[in-house]
Structures are given as C-alpha cells and as structure tokens.
C-alpha atoms as a PDB file:
ATOM      1  CA  MET A   1     -42.288   2.671  -2.896  1.00  0.00           C
ATOM      2  CA  SER A   2     -38.916   0.966  -2.510  1.00  0.00           C
ATOM      3  CA  LYS A   3     -38.262  -0.932   0.701  1.00  0.00           C
ATOM      4  CA  VAL A   4     -35.369  -0.257   3.028  1.00  0.00           C
ATOM      5  CA  ASP A   5     -32.906  -3.165   3.167  1.00  0.00           C
ATOM      6  CA  TYR A   6     -33.234  -5.080   6.441  1.00  0.00           C
ATOM      7  CA  ILE A   7     -29.434  -5.356   6.642  1.00  0.00           C
ATOM      8  CA  PRO A   8     -27.963  -1.964   7.689  1.00  0.00           C
ATOM      9  CA  SER A   9     -25.623  -0.220   5.274  1.00  0.00           C
ATOM     10  CA  THR A  10     -22.935   0.692   7.830  1.00  0.00           C
ATOM     11  CA  TYR A  11     -20.355  -1.767   9.136  1.00  0.00           C
ATOM     12  CA  ASP A  12     -21.247  -1.084  12.777  1.00  0.00           C
ATOM     13  CA  GLY A  13     -24.923  -1.535  11.991  1.00  0.00           C
ATOM     14  CA  GLN A  14     -24.277  -4.803  10.164  1.00  0.00           C
ATOM     15  CA  ASP A  15     -22.214  -6.116  13.075  1.00  0.00           C
ATOM     16  CA  THR A  16     -24.943  -5.339  15.617  1.00  0.00           C
ATOM     17  CA  TRP A  17     -27.632  -6.762  13.355  1.00  0.00           C
ATOM     18  CA  ALA A  18     -25.639  -9.962  12.763  1.00  0.00           C
ATOM     19  CA  GLU A  19     -25.146 -10.466  16.501  1.00  0.00           C
ATOM     20  CA  THR A  20     -28.893 -10.238  17.134  1.00  0.00           C
ATOM     21  CA  PHE A  21     -29.764 -12.405  14.143  1.00  0.00           C
ATOM     22  CA  SER A  22     -27.329 -15.182  15.107  1.00  0.00           C
ATOM     23  CA  THR A  23     -28.686 -15.181  18.670  1.00  0.00           C
ATOM     24  CA  LYS A  24     -32.321 -15.530  17.590  1.00  0.00           C
ATOM     25  CA  LEU A  25     -31.905 -17.795  14.545  1.00  0.00           C
ATOM     26  CA  PRO A  26     -31.623 -21.145  16.404  1.00  0.00           C
ATOM     27  CA  SER A  27     -35.083 -20.757  17.942  1.00  0.00           C
ATOM     28  CA  GLN A  28     -36.732 -20.278  14.544  1.00  0.00           C
ATOM     29  CA  SER A  29     -34.614 -22.156  11.992  1.00  0.00           C
ATOM     30  CA  ALA A  30     -36.387 -25.519  12.173  1.00  0.00           C
ATOM     31  CA  THR A  31     -39.809 -23.880  11.980  1.00  0.00           C
ATOM     32  CA  LEU A  32     -38.783 -21.929   8.895  1.00  0.00           C
ATOM     33  CA  GLY A  33     -37.132 -24.812   7.043  1.00  0.00           C
ATOM     34  CA  VAL A  34     -33.475 -24.149   7.789  1.00  0.00           C
ATOM     35  CA  SER A  35     -31.596 -27.427   8.201  1.00  0.00           C
ATOM     36  CA  PRO A  36     -29.119 -27.965  11.060  1.00  0.00           C
ATOM     37  CA  ALA A  37     -26.278 -28.057   8.548  1.00  0.00           C
ATOM     38  CA  GLN A  38     -27.378 -24.783   6.975  1.00  0.00           C
ATOM     39  CA  GLN A  39     -27.716 -23.166  10.389  1.00  0.00           C
ATOM     40  CA  THR A  40     -24.271 -24.351  11.499  1.00  0.00           C
ATOM     41  CA  ALA A  41     -22.617 -23.093   8.326  1.00  0.00           C
ATOM     42  CA  LEU A  42     -24.360 -19.726   8.478  1.00  0.00           C
ATOM     43  CA  LEU A  43     -23.573 -19.154  12.161  1.00  0.00           C
ATOM     44  CA  ALA A  44     -19.928 -20.035  11.512  1.00  0.00           C
ATOM     45  CA  ALA A  45     -19.810 -17.548   8.641  1.00  0.00           C
ATOM     46  CA  ILE A  46     -21.384 -14.834  10.798  1.00  0.00           C
ATOM     47  CA  THR A  47     -18.876 -15.510  13.575  1.00  0.00           C
ATOM     48  CA  ALA A  48     -15.989 -15.294  11.110  1.00  0.00           C
ATOM     49  CA  MET A  49     -17.356 -12.048   9.674  1.00  0.00           C
ATOM     50  CA  ARG A  50     -17.783 -10.459  13.109  1.00  0.00           C
ATOM     51  CA  THR A  51     -14.355 -11.637  14.266  1.00  0.00           C
ATOM     52  CA  SER A  52     -12.743 -10.114  11.194  1.00  0.00           C
ATOM     53  CA  TYR A  53     -14.579  -6.827  11.758  1.00  0.00           C
ATOM     54  CA  ALA A  54     -13.512  -6.734  15.409  1.00  0.00           C
ATOM     55  CA  GLU A  55      -9.903  -7.218  14.316  1.00  0.00           C
ATOM     56  CA  GLN A  56     -10.349  -4.447  11.757  1.00  0.00           C
ATOM     57  CA  LYS A  57     -11.537  -2.053  14.459  1.00  0.00           C
ATOM     58  CA  VAL A  58      -8.528  -2.897  16.639  1.00  0.00           C
ATOM     59  CA  LEU A  59      -6.207  -2.156  13.723  1.00  0.00           C
ATOM     60  CA  GLU A  60      -8.017   1.122  13.046  1.00  0.00           C
ATOM     61  CA  THR A  61      -7.545   2.112  16.694  1.00  0.00           C
ATOM     62  CA  ASP A  62      -3.864   1.166  16.515  1.00  0.00           C
ATOM     63  CA  TYR A  63      -3.543   3.185  13.302  1.00  0.00           C
ATOM     64  CA  ARG A  64      -5.045   6.287  14.897  1.00  0.00           C
ATOM     65  CA  SER A  65      -2.742   5.852  17.894  1.00  0.00           C
ATOM     66  CA  LYS A  66       0.296   5.593  15.613  1.00  0.00           C
ATOM     67  CA  VAL A  67      -0.810   8.664  13.660  1.00  0.00           C
ATOM     68  CA  ALA A  68      -1.049  10.646  16.912  1.00  0.00           C
ATOM     69  CA  GLU A  69       2.357   9.333  18.045  1.00  0.00           C
ATOM     70  CA  ALA A  70       3.978  10.252  14.725  1.00  0.00           C
ATOM     71  CA  GLU A  71       2.404  13.720  14.828  1.00  0.00           C
ATOM     72  CA  SER A  72       3.760  14.317  18.339  1.00  0.00           C
ATOM     73  CA  LYS A  73       7.268  13.251  17.299  1.00  0.00           C
ATOM     74  CA  ARG A  74       6.990  15.344  14.143  1.00  0.00           C
ATOM     75  CA  LYS A  75       6.165  18.468  16.152  1.00  0.00           C
ATOM     76  CA  THR A  76       8.984  17.768  18.615  1.00  0.00           C
ATOM     77  CA  THR A  77      11.555  17.180  15.882  1.00  0.00           C
ATOM     78  CA  ILE A  78      10.568  20.213  13.837  1.00  0.00           C
ATOM     79  CA  SER A  79       9.656  22.876  16.380  1.00  0.00           C
ATOM     80  CA  ASN A  80      11.041  22.149  19.862  1.00  0.00           C
ATOM     81  CA  ALA A  81      14.291  23.519  21.282  1.00  0.00           C
ATOM     82  CA  GLY A  82      17.101  21.722  19.481  1.00  0.00           C
ATOM     83  CA  GLY A  83      14.742  20.800  16.657  1.00  0.00           C
ATOM     84  CA  ILE A  84      15.053  21.456  12.941  1.00  0.00           C
ATOM     85  CA  ARG A  85      13.751  25.031  12.903  1.00  0.00           C
ATOM     86  CA  LYS A  86      15.976  26.149  15.787  1.00  0.00           C
ATOM     87  CA  ILE A  87      19.098  24.599  14.275  1.00  0.00           C
ATOM     88  CA  VAL A  88      18.301  25.970  10.809  1.00  0.00           C
ATOM     89  CA  ALA A  89      17.825  29.450  12.301  1.00  0.00           C
ATOM     90  CA  LEU A  90      21.225  29.075  13.973  1.00  0.00           C
ATOM     91  CA  MET A  91      22.850  28.093  10.673  1.00  0.00           C
ATOM     92  CA  LYS A  92      21.214  30.937   8.756  1.00  0.00           C
ATOM     93  CA  ALA A  93      22.520  33.410  11.337  1.00  0.00           C
ATOM     94  CA  SER A  94      26.076  32.259  10.613  1.00  0.00           C
ATOM     95  CA  SER A  95      28.296  34.641   8.630  1.00  0.00           C
ATOM     96  CA  ASN A  96      29.274  31.649   6.488  1.00  0.00           C
ATOM     97  CA  TYR A  97      25.718  30.928   5.370  1.00  0.00           C
ATOM     98  CA  THR A  98      24.903  31.374   1.694  1.00  0.00           C
ATOM     99  CA  THR A  99      21.795  30.793  -0.375  1.00  0.00           C
ATOM    100  CA  ALA A 100      23.652  28.080  -2.267  1.00  0.00           C
ATOM    101  CA  ILE A 101      24.284  26.199   0.982  1.00  0.00           C
ATOM    102  CA  GLY A 102      20.643  26.665   1.951  1.00  0.00           C
ATOM    103  CA  GLU A 103      19.445  25.268  -1.374  1.00  0.00           C
ATOM    104  CA  TYR A 104      21.836  22.328  -1.025  1.00  0.00           C
ATOM    105  CA  LEU A 105      20.397  21.538   2.424  1.00  0.00           C
ATOM    106  CA  GLY A 106      16.830  22.138   1.252  1.00  0.00           C
ATOM    107  CA  ILE A 107      16.223  24.953   3.751  1.00  0.00           C
ATOM    108  CA  GLU A 108      15.449  27.695   1.225  1.00  0.00           C
ATOM    109  CA  ALA A 109      11.742  27.936   0.434  1.00  0.00           C
ATOM    110  CA  SER A 110      11.062  27.359  -3.248  1.00  0.00           C
ATOM    111  CA  THR A 111       7.300  27.060  -3.702  1.00  0.00           C
ATOM    112  CA  PRO A 112       4.464  28.159  -1.422  1.00  0.00           C
ATOM    113  CA  ASP A 113       2.636  25.531   0.631  1.00  0.00           C
ATOM    114  CA  PRO A 114      -0.761  24.521  -0.778  1.00  0.00           C
ATOM    115  CA  ASN A 115      -3.743  26.386   0.630  1.00  0.00           C
ATOM    116  CA  PRO A 116      -5.683  23.921   2.851  1.00  0.00           C
ATOM    117  CA  ASP A 117      -8.899  25.832   2.147  1.00  0.00           C
ATOM    118  CA  THR A 118      -8.794  25.330  -1.610  1.00  0.00           C
ATOM    119  CA  MET A 119      -6.982  22.003  -1.994  1.00  0.00           C
ATOM    120  CA  GLN A 120      -8.974  19.418  -3.919  1.00  0.00           C
ATOM    121  CA  ALA A 121      -8.247  15.772  -4.589  1.00  0.00           C
ATOM    122  CA  THR A 122      -8.586  14.229  -8.000  1.00  0.00           C
ATOM    123  CA  ILE A 123     -10.142  10.778  -8.214  1.00  0.00           C
ATOM    124  CA  LYS A 124     -10.160   7.857 -10.634  1.00  0.00           C
ATOM    125  CA  THR A 125     -11.686   4.398 -10.248  1.00  0.00           C
ATOM    126  CA  ARG A 126     -10.912   1.022 -11.794  1.00  0.00           C
ATOM    127  CA  LEU A 127     -12.929  -2.172 -11.518  1.00  0.00           C
ATOM    128  CA  LEU A 128     -10.929  -5.133 -10.183  1.00  0.00           C
ATOM    129  CA  PRO A 129     -11.808  -8.853 -10.135  1.00  0.00           C
ATOM    130  CA  ASP A 130     -14.409 -10.077  -7.630  1.00  0.00           C
ATOM    131  CA  SER A 131     -16.342  -6.790  -7.838  1.00  0.00           C
ATOM    132  CA  LYS A 132     -13.636  -4.825  -6.029  1.00  0.00           C
ATOM    133  CA  VAL A 133     -13.087  -1.180  -6.940  1.00  0.00           C
ATOM    134  CA  LYS A 134      -9.679   0.522  -6.880  1.00  0.00           C
ATOM    135  CA  VAL A 135      -9.963   4.216  -6.040  1.00  0.00           C
ATOM    136  CA  HIS A 136      -6.947   6.322  -7.044  1.00  0.00           C
ATOM    137  CA  CYS A 137      -6.304   9.761  -5.559  1.00  0.00           C
ATOM    138  CA  ASN A 138      -3.840  12.552  -6.306  1.00  0.00           C
ATOM    139  CA  MET A 139      -3.155  13.656  -2.732  1.00  0.00           C
ATOM    140  CA  GLN A 140      -1.873  17.149  -3.632  1.00  0.00           C
ATOM    141  CA  GLY A 141       0.655  17.029  -0.797  1.00  0.00           C
ATOM    142  CA  ALA A 142      -1.895  16.076   1.894  1.00  0.00           C
ATOM    143  CA  ASP A 143      -1.125  13.485   4.576  1.00  0.00           C
ATOM    144  CA  ALA A 144      -4.029  11.189   3.641  1.00  0.00           C
ATOM    145  CA  TYR A 145      -7.564  11.187   2.271  1.00  0.00           C
ATOM    146  CA  ASN A 146     -10.949   9.877   3.335  1.00  0.00           C
ATOM    147  CA  VAL A 147     -13.064   7.879   0.897  1.00  0.00           C
ATOM    148  CA  TYR A 148     -16.848   8.220   0.762  1.00  0.00           C
ATOM    149  CA  SER A 149     -19.189   6.058  -1.264  1.00  0.00           C
ATOM    150  CA  LYS A 150     -22.827   5.420  -2.093  1.00  0.00           C
ATOM    151  CA  ARG A 151     -24.034   2.052  -3.438  1.00  0.00           C
ATOM    152  CA  ALA A 152     -27.091   1.131  -5.470  1.00  0.00           C
ATOM    153  CA  ASP A 153     -30.175   2.751  -3.894  1.00  0.00           C
ATOM    154  CA  GLU A 154     -28.374   4.187  -0.846  1.00  0.00           C
ATOM    155  CA  VAL A 155     -29.445   7.767  -0.253  1.00  0.00           C
ATOM    156  CA  ASN A 156     -26.394   9.145   1.528  1.00  0.00           C
ATOM    157  CA  PHE A 157     -22.658   8.857   1.051  1.00  0.00           C
ATOM    158  CA  ILE A 158     -20.922   6.981   3.879  1.00  0.00           C
ATOM    159  CA  PHE A 159     -17.294   6.981   5.013  1.00  0.00           C
ATOM    160  CA  ILE A 160     -15.617   3.713   3.998  1.00  0.00           C
ATOM    161  CA  GLY A 161     -11.973   4.288   4.881  1.00  0.00           C
ATOM    162  CA  THR A 162      -8.799   6.374   5.009  1.00  0.00           C
ATOM    163  CA  SER A 163      -5.682   5.884   2.906  1.00  0.00           C
ATOM    164  CA  VAL A 164      -2.175   7.308   3.176  1.00  0.00           C
ATOM    165  CA  THR A 165      -1.224   5.884  -0.229  1.00  0.00           C
ATOM    166  CA  PRO A 166      -2.510   7.024  -3.649  1.00  0.00           C
ATOM    167  CA  TRP A 167      -4.879   4.044  -3.885  1.00  0.00           C
ATOM    168  CA  PHE A 168      -7.682   2.514  -1.848  1.00  0.00           C
ATOM    169  CA  VAL A 169      -9.488  -0.762  -2.576  1.00  0.00           C
ATOM    170  CA  ASP A 170     -13.203  -1.018  -1.837  1.00  0.00           C
ATOM    171  CA  ASP A 171     -13.853  -4.723  -1.305  1.00  0.00           C
ATOM    172  CA  ARG A 172     -17.408  -4.475   0.017  1.00  0.00           C
ATOM    173  CA  PRO A 173     -19.867  -6.989  -1.439  1.00  0.00           C
ATOM    174  CA  LYS A 174     -22.700  -5.903  -3.676  1.00  0.00           C
ATOM    175  CA  LEU A 175     -25.799  -5.030  -1.676  1.00  0.00           C
ATOM    176  CA  ASN A 176     -28.171  -7.391  -3.462  1.00  0.00           C
ATOM    177  CA  GLY A 177     -25.803  -9.564  -5.458  1.00  0.00           C
ATOM    178  CA  ALA A 178     -26.853  -7.850  -8.694  1.00  0.00           C
ATOM    179  CA  PRO A 179     -24.899  -5.320 -10.779  1.00  0.00           C
ATOM    180  CA  GLU A 180     -24.980  -1.932  -9.055  1.00  0.00           C
ATOM    181  CA  SER A 181     -23.890   1.634  -9.551  1.00  0.00           C
ATOM    182  CA  ARG A 182     -21.395   2.998  -7.022  1.00  0.00           C
ATOM    183  CA  GLN A 183     -20.397   6.609  -6.525  1.00  0.00           C
ATOM    184  CA  TYR A 184     -17.226   7.822  -4.822  1.00  0.00           C
ATOM    185  CA  TYR A 185     -15.551  11.011  -3.729  1.00  0.00           C
ATOM    186  CA  ASN A 186     -12.384  11.734  -1.739  1.00  0.00           C
ATOM    187  CA  GLN A 187     -11.649  14.384   0.888  1.00  0.00           C
ATOM    188  CA  LEU A 188      -8.034  15.347   1.636  1.00  0.00           C
ATOM    189  CA  VAL A 189      -6.725  15.095   5.204  1.00  0.00           C
ATOM    190  CA  ILE A 190      -3.936  17.085   6.887  1.00  0.00           C
ATOM    191  CA  LYS A 191      -3.017  16.434  10.522  1.00  0.00           C
ATOM    192  CA  ASN A 192      -6.081  14.212  10.970  1.00  0.00           C
ATOM    193  CA  GLU A 193      -8.456  16.978   9.799  1.00  0.00           C
ATOM    194  CA  GLU A 194     -10.356  17.092   6.514  1.00  0.00           C
ATOM    195  CA  VAL A 195      -9.305  20.094   4.435  1.00  0.00           C
ATOM    196  CA  GLY A 196     -10.196  21.777   1.192  1.00  0.00           C
ATOM    197  CA  LEU A 197     -12.902  20.776  -1.235  1.00  0.00           C
ATOM    198  CA  PRO A 198     -14.331  17.319  -1.892  1.00  0.00           C
ATOM    199  CA  SER A 199     -13.197  15.749  -5.131  1.00  0.00           C
ATOM    200  CA  PRO A 200     -15.620  15.449  -8.036  1.00  0.00           C
ATOM    201  CA  ILE A 201     -17.939  12.448  -7.745  1.00  0.00           C
ATOM    202  CA  VAL A 202     -17.160   9.501 -10.002  1.00  0.00           C
ATOM    203  CA  THR A 203     -19.438   6.586 -10.842  1.00  0.00           C
ATOM    204  CA  VAL A 204     -18.551   2.971 -11.625  1.00  0.00           C
ATOM    205  CA  ILE A 205     -20.802   0.002 -12.428  1.00  0.00           C
ATOM    206  CA  VAL A 206     -19.933  -3.069 -10.383  1.00  0.00           C
ATOM    207  CA  GLY A 207     -21.146  -6.116 -12.298  1.00  0.00           C
END
C-alpha cells in the first residue's frame, strides 16, 4: 500500500504545514542530527517560501477585486442609460441609418455568440526548462480559463490557477524530485463563472 505524502498537496495545506514544522523543528533538530547551520538555512527558506505565498494570495485578492471592478464598469458602459446599447438603439432609429453604416461601426450582428453550455477549451502542453510546464489554451471567446492538474500519485485534480491569456506556466516543483507524470485540463470562464465542458485531459512527463 502506497503511503500518503506527509507534505500536503495544496498550497494552503503546505503553508500551514510549513508554519507548524518551522515552529517545532528547533526543539528536535539537535537530537535528530540537524546542525545549527542546516536549521538556519532551512528556516530561512521556509520563511521565504511562506512570504512569497502570502504575497501571491494578496495579488490573487487584488486580481479578483479588479475583475469585479472591470465587470461593474463593463455593465455600466454597455447597458446603463447613456451606455452603448442605448446610444446604438438611438442611432438605429434614425432615418439616416443604413446597414452599411451599422457594419462600419460594428453594430450589426454577424455571427451568433458561442453557447456557454457547450463551449469547450482545447489544451496543449510544452515542457520548459527547470521542470516547468507551459499550458496553452484556445479560449473560444471566453474571458479566462481555470487550470486543473494532477501530479504523480495524486488521486484528484486540483485547481492551480486562472489565466486571461492563452498560456499558463505551471512552475510547481516535482513532488518527490523524480520524473513524474502530470495531467492537465482547462475549464473556460465567463464573468467569473466556469462554463461549458472541461477540455480533454493531456499528460506530460516532467523529468
């Protein structure tokens, strides 16, 4: 029977575990053969890791706040009184309006909007130096996409990030330092909600 890794697989779990470990390590390091220099270096590395993660979480919060702000302004600009739709309706009611003018202004519908229920991302992966993986997504007109992954012997896919560009770089370290198989899939996002079907799952070997 395979053993469960003592280091949690999620970022939040790793952060909590590292905090506890760094608090308890000094009382046991000498007994277990860890030199003062080794302890100092390890605790400094843990502090740097946790500081970086805390900064990441702040940026994620700021990102979500900016997304909400942009969505509010988008709704105001498009739909409120004096917004795009109202002014376009006014122009189309003019006796001088023609289809040619509408096409010139981009206010004549040409193709139907994608169906959020059936949209599906495509996904490709490419191995980068230092065991990083570049995940490429065709966004199909969506606002963003969420990336899910499963490493080595992990049982479940976990969310590892959101991207508003066609590419996402997974820079997580290998679980055990050895070559491992990683699986990925993407889920499209519109207005902060996942839509459509998950992409096919792709597999890459990280050496």
